[in-house]
């Protein structure tokens, strides 16, 4: 039985190890995708600040914060953290910060469309991956870690 299992598992393992080579690229693409989503949202907010303030006052129900402070903090987070994430600089910190922005966005809307909620869940999963595993091979973090600088 174990020889048969081994005969089946060996090709699987060979293929699996080849697929693992895509992990750094998948992490980079995840970082860039999430960074674009949040940066564009922040950019749109600063393009029409009066509307942004109105939405934070009337539409979004951000808990525990005055609407103006919530607007400034949310917009700043959506503009600064995606840049860090795209560069892979302090990737875990940036992903954690964007996770907070993502969660606040979901809970601050009284009604959220199922499709929008689904997107926020996907973004949350991608951000959780970066928080847990880091920015990956193609990140500034990798080049700034001490073991990579020791020669």
C-alpha atoms as a PDB file:
ATOM      1  CA  UNK A   1       0.000   0.000   0.000  1.00  0.00           C
ATOM      2  CA  UNK A   2       2.729   2.494   0.881  1.00  0.00           C
ATOM      3  CA  UNK A   3       4.494   1.900  -2.475  1.00  0.00           C
ATOM      4  CA  UNK A   4       1.288   2.667  -4.331  1.00  0.00           C
ATOM      5  CA  UNK A   5       0.736   5.793  -2.233  1.00  0.00           C
ATOM      6  CA  UNK A   6       4.343   6.818  -2.810  1.00  0.00           C
ATOM      7  CA  UNK A   7       3.952   6.279  -6.575  1.00  0.00           C
ATOM      8  CA  UNK A   8       0.919   8.570  -6.591  1.00  0.00           C
ATOM      9  CA  UNK A   9       2.410  11.166  -4.250  1.00  0.00           C
ATOM     10  CA  UNK A  10       5.785  11.549  -5.988  1.00  0.00           C
ATOM     11  CA  UNK A  11       4.449  13.190  -9.186  1.00  0.00           C
ATOM     12  CA  UNK A  12       2.109  15.317  -7.066  1.00  0.00           C
ATOM     13  CA  UNK A  13       5.052  16.477  -4.943  1.00  0.00           C
ATOM     14  CA  UNK A  14       7.112  17.266  -8.061  1.00  0.00           C
ATOM     15  CA  UNK A  15       4.301  19.392  -9.526  1.00  0.00           C
ATOM     16  CA  UNK A  16       3.556  20.994  -6.172  1.00  0.00           C
ATOM     17  CA  UNK A  17       7.168  22.081  -5.708  1.00  0.00           C
ATOM     18  CA  UNK A  18       7.090  23.726  -9.156  1.00  0.00           C
ATOM     19  CA  UNK A  19       3.868  25.571  -8.315  1.00  0.00           C
ATOM     20  CA  UNK A  20       5.478  26.839  -5.088  1.00  0.00           C
ATOM     21  CA  UNK A  21       7.868  28.831  -7.260  1.00  0.00           C
ATOM     22  CA  UNK A  22       4.908  31.089  -8.097  1.00  0.00           C
ATOM     23  CA  UNK A  23       4.403  32.130  -4.454  1.00  0.00           C
ATOM     24  CA  UNK A  24       6.680  35.215  -4.626  1.00  0.00           C
ATOM     25  CA  UNK A  25       4.930  36.417  -7.777  1.00  0.00           C
ATOM     26  CA  UNK A  26       1.464  35.771  -6.305  1.00  0.00           C
ATOM     27  CA  UNK A  27       2.390  37.740  -3.187  1.00  0.00           C
ATOM     28  CA  UNK A  28       3.705  40.641  -5.270  1.00  0.00           C
ATOM     29  CA  UNK A  29       0.552  40.685  -7.403  1.00  0.00           C
ATOM     30  CA  UNK A  30      -1.615  40.583  -4.266  1.00  0.00           C
ATOM     31  CA  UNK A  31       0.287  43.520  -2.768  1.00  0.00           C
ATOM     32  CA  UNK A  32       0.000  45.565  -5.967  1.00  0.00           C
ATOM     33  CA  UNK A  33      -3.694  44.785  -6.432  1.00  0.00           C
ATOM     34  CA  UNK A  34      -4.627  45.717  -2.861  1.00  0.00           C
ATOM     35  CA  UNK A  35      -2.436  48.818  -2.999  1.00  0.00           C
ATOM     36  CA  UNK A  36      -4.200  49.998  -6.158  1.00  0.00           C
ATOM     37  CA  UNK A  37      -7.689  49.395  -4.730  1.00  0.00           C
ATOM     38  CA  UNK A  38      -7.067  51.412  -1.578  1.00  0.00           C
ATOM     39  CA  UNK A  39      -4.926  54.135  -3.183  1.00  0.00           C
ATOM     40  CA  UNK A  40      -7.582  54.837  -5.812  1.00  0.00           C
ATOM     41  CA  UNK A  41     -10.216  55.069  -3.057  1.00  0.00           C
ATOM     42  CA  UNK A  42      -8.067  57.577  -1.155  1.00  0.00           C
ATOM     43  CA  UNK A  43      -7.265  59.530  -4.315  1.00  0.00           C
ATOM     44  CA  UNK A  44     -10.961  59.850  -5.115  1.00  0.00           C
ATOM     45  CA  UNK A  45     -11.594  61.143  -1.594  1.00  0.00           C
ATOM     46  CA  UNK A  46      -9.065  63.976  -1.883  1.00  0.00           C
ATOM     47  CA  UNK A  47     -10.315  64.888  -5.370  1.00  0.00           C
ATOM     48  CA  UNK A  48     -13.635  66.009  -3.875  1.00  0.00           C
ATOM     49  CA  UNK A  49     -12.989  66.696  -0.211  1.00  0.00           C
ATOM     50  CA  UNK A  50     -16.341  68.392   0.402  1.00  0.00           C
ATOM     51  CA  UNK A  51     -18.188  65.287  -0.755  1.00  0.00           C
ATOM     52  CA  UNK A  52     -15.868  63.119   1.324  1.00  0.00           C
ATOM     53  CA  UNK A  53     -16.657  65.122   4.452  1.00  0.00           C
ATOM     54  CA  UNK A  54     -20.363  64.969   3.644  1.00  0.00           C
ATOM     55  CA  UNK A  55     -20.227  61.181   3.234  1.00  0.00           C
ATOM     56  CA  UNK A  56     -18.354  60.730   6.504  1.00  0.00           C
ATOM     57  CA  UNK A  57     -20.876  62.947   8.269  1.00  0.00           C
ATOM     58  CA  UNK A  58     -24.077  61.574   6.740  1.00  0.00           C
ATOM     59  CA  UNK A  59     -23.478  58.166   5.150  1.00  0.00           C
ATOM     60  CA  UNK A  60     -20.609  56.436   6.943  1.00  0.00           C
ATOM     61  CA  UNK A  61     -21.107  55.698  10.615  1.00  0.00           C
ATOM     62  CA  UNK A  62     -17.514  55.370  11.822  1.00  0.00           C
ATOM     63  CA  UNK A  63     -17.671  54.380  15.493  1.00  0.00           C
ATOM     64  CA  UNK A  64     -15.902  56.349  18.249  1.00  0.00           C
ATOM     65  CA  UNK A  65     -14.496  59.108  16.003  1.00  0.00           C
ATOM     66  CA  UNK A  66     -15.759  62.511  14.943  1.00  0.00           C
ATOM     67  CA  UNK A  67     -16.573  62.386  11.237  1.00  0.00           C
ATOM     68  CA  UNK A  68     -13.845  64.896  10.245  1.00  0.00           C
ATOM     69  CA  UNK A  69     -11.130  62.948  12.063  1.00  0.00           C
ATOM     70  CA  UNK A  70     -12.408  59.706  10.536  1.00  0.00           C
ATOM     71  CA  UNK A  71     -12.273  61.289   7.065  1.00  0.00           C
ATOM     72  CA  UNK A  72      -8.689  62.503   7.546  1.00  0.00           C
ATOM     73  CA  UNK A  73      -7.461  59.246   9.078  1.00  0.00           C
ATOM     74  CA  UNK A  74      -9.219  57.031   6.533  1.00  0.00           C
ATOM     75  CA  UNK A  75      -7.991  59.057   3.579  1.00  0.00           C
ATOM     76  CA  UNK A  76      -4.437  59.259   4.920  1.00  0.00           C
ATOM     77  CA  UNK A  77      -4.448  55.499   5.474  1.00  0.00           C
ATOM     78  CA  UNK A  78      -5.728  54.886   1.952  1.00  0.00           C
ATOM     79  CA  UNK A  79      -2.982  57.069   0.470  1.00  0.00           C
ATOM     80  CA  UNK A  80       0.092  56.221   2.576  1.00  0.00           C
ATOM     81  CA  UNK A  81      -0.337  52.545   3.456  1.00  0.00           C
ATOM     82  CA  UNK A  82      -0.831  51.376  -0.165  1.00  0.00           C
ATOM     83  CA  UNK A  83       2.470  52.996  -1.152  1.00  0.00           C
ATOM     84  CA  UNK A  84       4.250  51.089   1.615  1.00  0.00           C
ATOM     85  CA  UNK A  85       2.458  47.907   0.586  1.00  0.00           C
ATOM     86  CA  UNK A  86       3.320  48.296  -3.109  1.00  0.00           C
ATOM     87  CA  UNK A  87       6.977  48.843  -2.237  1.00  0.00           C
ATOM     88  CA  UNK A  88       6.928  45.951   0.201  1.00  0.00           C
ATOM     89  CA  UNK A  89       8.209  48.323   2.888  1.00  0.00           C
ATOM     90  CA  UNK A  90       6.851  47.491   6.351  1.00  0.00           C
ATOM     91  CA  UNK A  91       4.486  45.162   4.494  1.00  0.00           C
ATOM     92  CA  UNK A  92       2.918  43.610   7.576  1.00  0.00           C
ATOM     93  CA  UNK A  93       2.317  47.017   9.163  1.00  0.00           C
ATOM     94  CA  UNK A  94       0.783  48.376   5.931  1.00  0.00           C
ATOM     95  CA  UNK A  95      -1.410  45.304   5.471  1.00  0.00           C
ATOM     96  CA  UNK A  96      -2.545  45.439   9.090  1.00  0.00           C
ATOM     97  CA  UNK A  97      -3.385  49.144   8.754  1.00  0.00           C
ATOM     98  CA  UNK A  98      -5.331  48.531   5.552  1.00  0.00           C
ATOM     99  CA  UNK A  99      -7.128  45.669   7.291  1.00  0.00           C
ATOM    100  CA  UNK A 100      -8.344  48.155   9.881  1.00  0.00           C
ATOM    101  CA  UNK A 101      -9.441  50.542   7.105  1.00  0.00           C
ATOM    102  CA  UNK A 102     -11.204  47.643   5.379  1.00  0.00           C
ATOM    103  CA  UNK A 103     -13.034  46.534   8.526  1.00  0.00           C
ATOM    104  CA  UNK A 104     -14.066  50.084   9.417  1.00  0.00           C
ATOM    105  CA  UNK A 105     -15.361  50.572   5.869  1.00  0.00           C
ATOM    106  CA  UNK A 106     -17.591  47.520   6.205  1.00  0.00           C
ATOM    107  CA  UNK A 107     -18.939  48.284   9.668  1.00  0.00           C
ATOM    108  CA  UNK A 108     -19.453  51.998   8.995  1.00  0.00           C
ATOM    109  CA  UNK A 109     -21.941  51.438   6.200  1.00  0.00           C
ATOM    110  CA  UNK A 110     -25.486  50.873   7.370  1.00  0.00           C
ATOM    111  CA  UNK A 111     -26.243  48.865   4.237  1.00  0.00           C
ATOM    112  CA  UNK A 112     -23.600  47.235   2.088  1.00  0.00           C
ATOM    113  CA  UNK A 113     -24.375  45.458  -1.166  1.00  0.00           C
ATOM    114  CA  UNK A 114     -23.522  41.740  -1.187  1.00  0.00           C
ATOM    115  CA  UNK A 115     -21.059  42.227  -4.055  1.00  0.00           C
ATOM    116  CA  UNK A 116     -19.260  45.003  -2.156  1.00  0.00           C
ATOM    117  CA  UNK A 117     -19.131  42.893   0.997  1.00  0.00           C
ATOM    118  CA  UNK A 118     -17.694  40.019  -1.037  1.00  0.00           C
ATOM    119  CA  UNK A 119     -14.922  42.286  -2.378  1.00  0.00           C
ATOM    120  CA  UNK A 120     -14.102  43.502   1.125  1.00  0.00           C
ATOM    121  CA  UNK A 121     -13.838  39.875   2.230  1.00  0.00           C
ATOM    122  CA  UNK A 122     -11.460  39.055  -0.636  1.00  0.00           C
ATOM    123  CA  UNK A 123      -9.339  42.092   0.221  1.00  0.00           C
ATOM    124  CA  UNK A 124      -9.348  41.026   3.864  1.00  0.00           C
ATOM    125  CA  UNK A 125      -8.117  37.550   2.971  1.00  0.00           C
ATOM    126  CA  UNK A 126      -5.316  38.940   0.786  1.00  0.00           C
ATOM    127  CA  UNK A 127      -4.329  41.399   3.522  1.00  0.00           C
ATOM    128  CA  UNK A 128      -4.356  38.612   6.133  1.00  0.00           C
ATOM    129  CA  UNK A 129      -2.004  36.594   3.941  1.00  0.00           C
ATOM    130  CA  UNK A 130       0.447  39.503   3.845  1.00  0.00           C
ATOM    131  CA  UNK A 131       0.153  40.132   7.597  1.00  0.00           C
ATOM    132  CA  UNK A 132       0.871  36.456   8.298  1.00  0.00           C
ATOM    133  CA  UNK A 133       3.505  35.677   5.662  1.00  0.00           C
ATOM    134  CA  UNK A 134       5.011  39.098   4.963  1.00  0.00           C
ATOM    135  CA  UNK A 135       5.707  40.962   1.754  1.00  0.00           C
ATOM    136  CA  UNK A 136       7.465  38.092   0.056  1.00  0.00           C
ATOM    137  CA  UNK A 137      10.586  37.704  -2.032  1.00  0.00           C
ATOM    138  CA  UNK A 138       9.959  40.802  -4.155  1.00  0.00           C
ATOM    139  CA  UNK A 139       9.704  43.248  -1.265  1.00  0.00           C
ATOM    140  CA  UNK A 140      11.879  45.972   0.186  1.00  0.00           C
ATOM    141  CA  UNK A 141      11.444  44.263   3.556  1.00  0.00           C
ATOM    142  CA  UNK A 142      13.407  41.286   2.288  1.00  0.00           C
ATOM    143  CA  UNK A 143      16.379  43.444   1.333  1.00  0.00           C
ATOM    144  CA  UNK A 144      16.342  45.372   4.600  1.00  0.00           C
ATOM    145  CA  UNK A 145      16.358  42.349   6.917  1.00  0.00           C
ATOM    146  CA  UNK A 146      19.723  41.852   8.677  1.00  0.00           C
ATOM    147  CA  UNK A 147      20.327  38.262   7.467  1.00  0.00           C
ATOM    148  CA  UNK A 148      20.116  39.452   3.839  1.00  0.00           C
ATOM    149  CA  UNK A 149      22.639  42.254   4.460  1.00  0.00           C
ATOM    150  CA  UNK A 150      25.250  40.108   6.199  1.00  0.00           C
ATOM    151  CA  UNK A 151      28.044  39.188   3.824  1.00  0.00           C
END
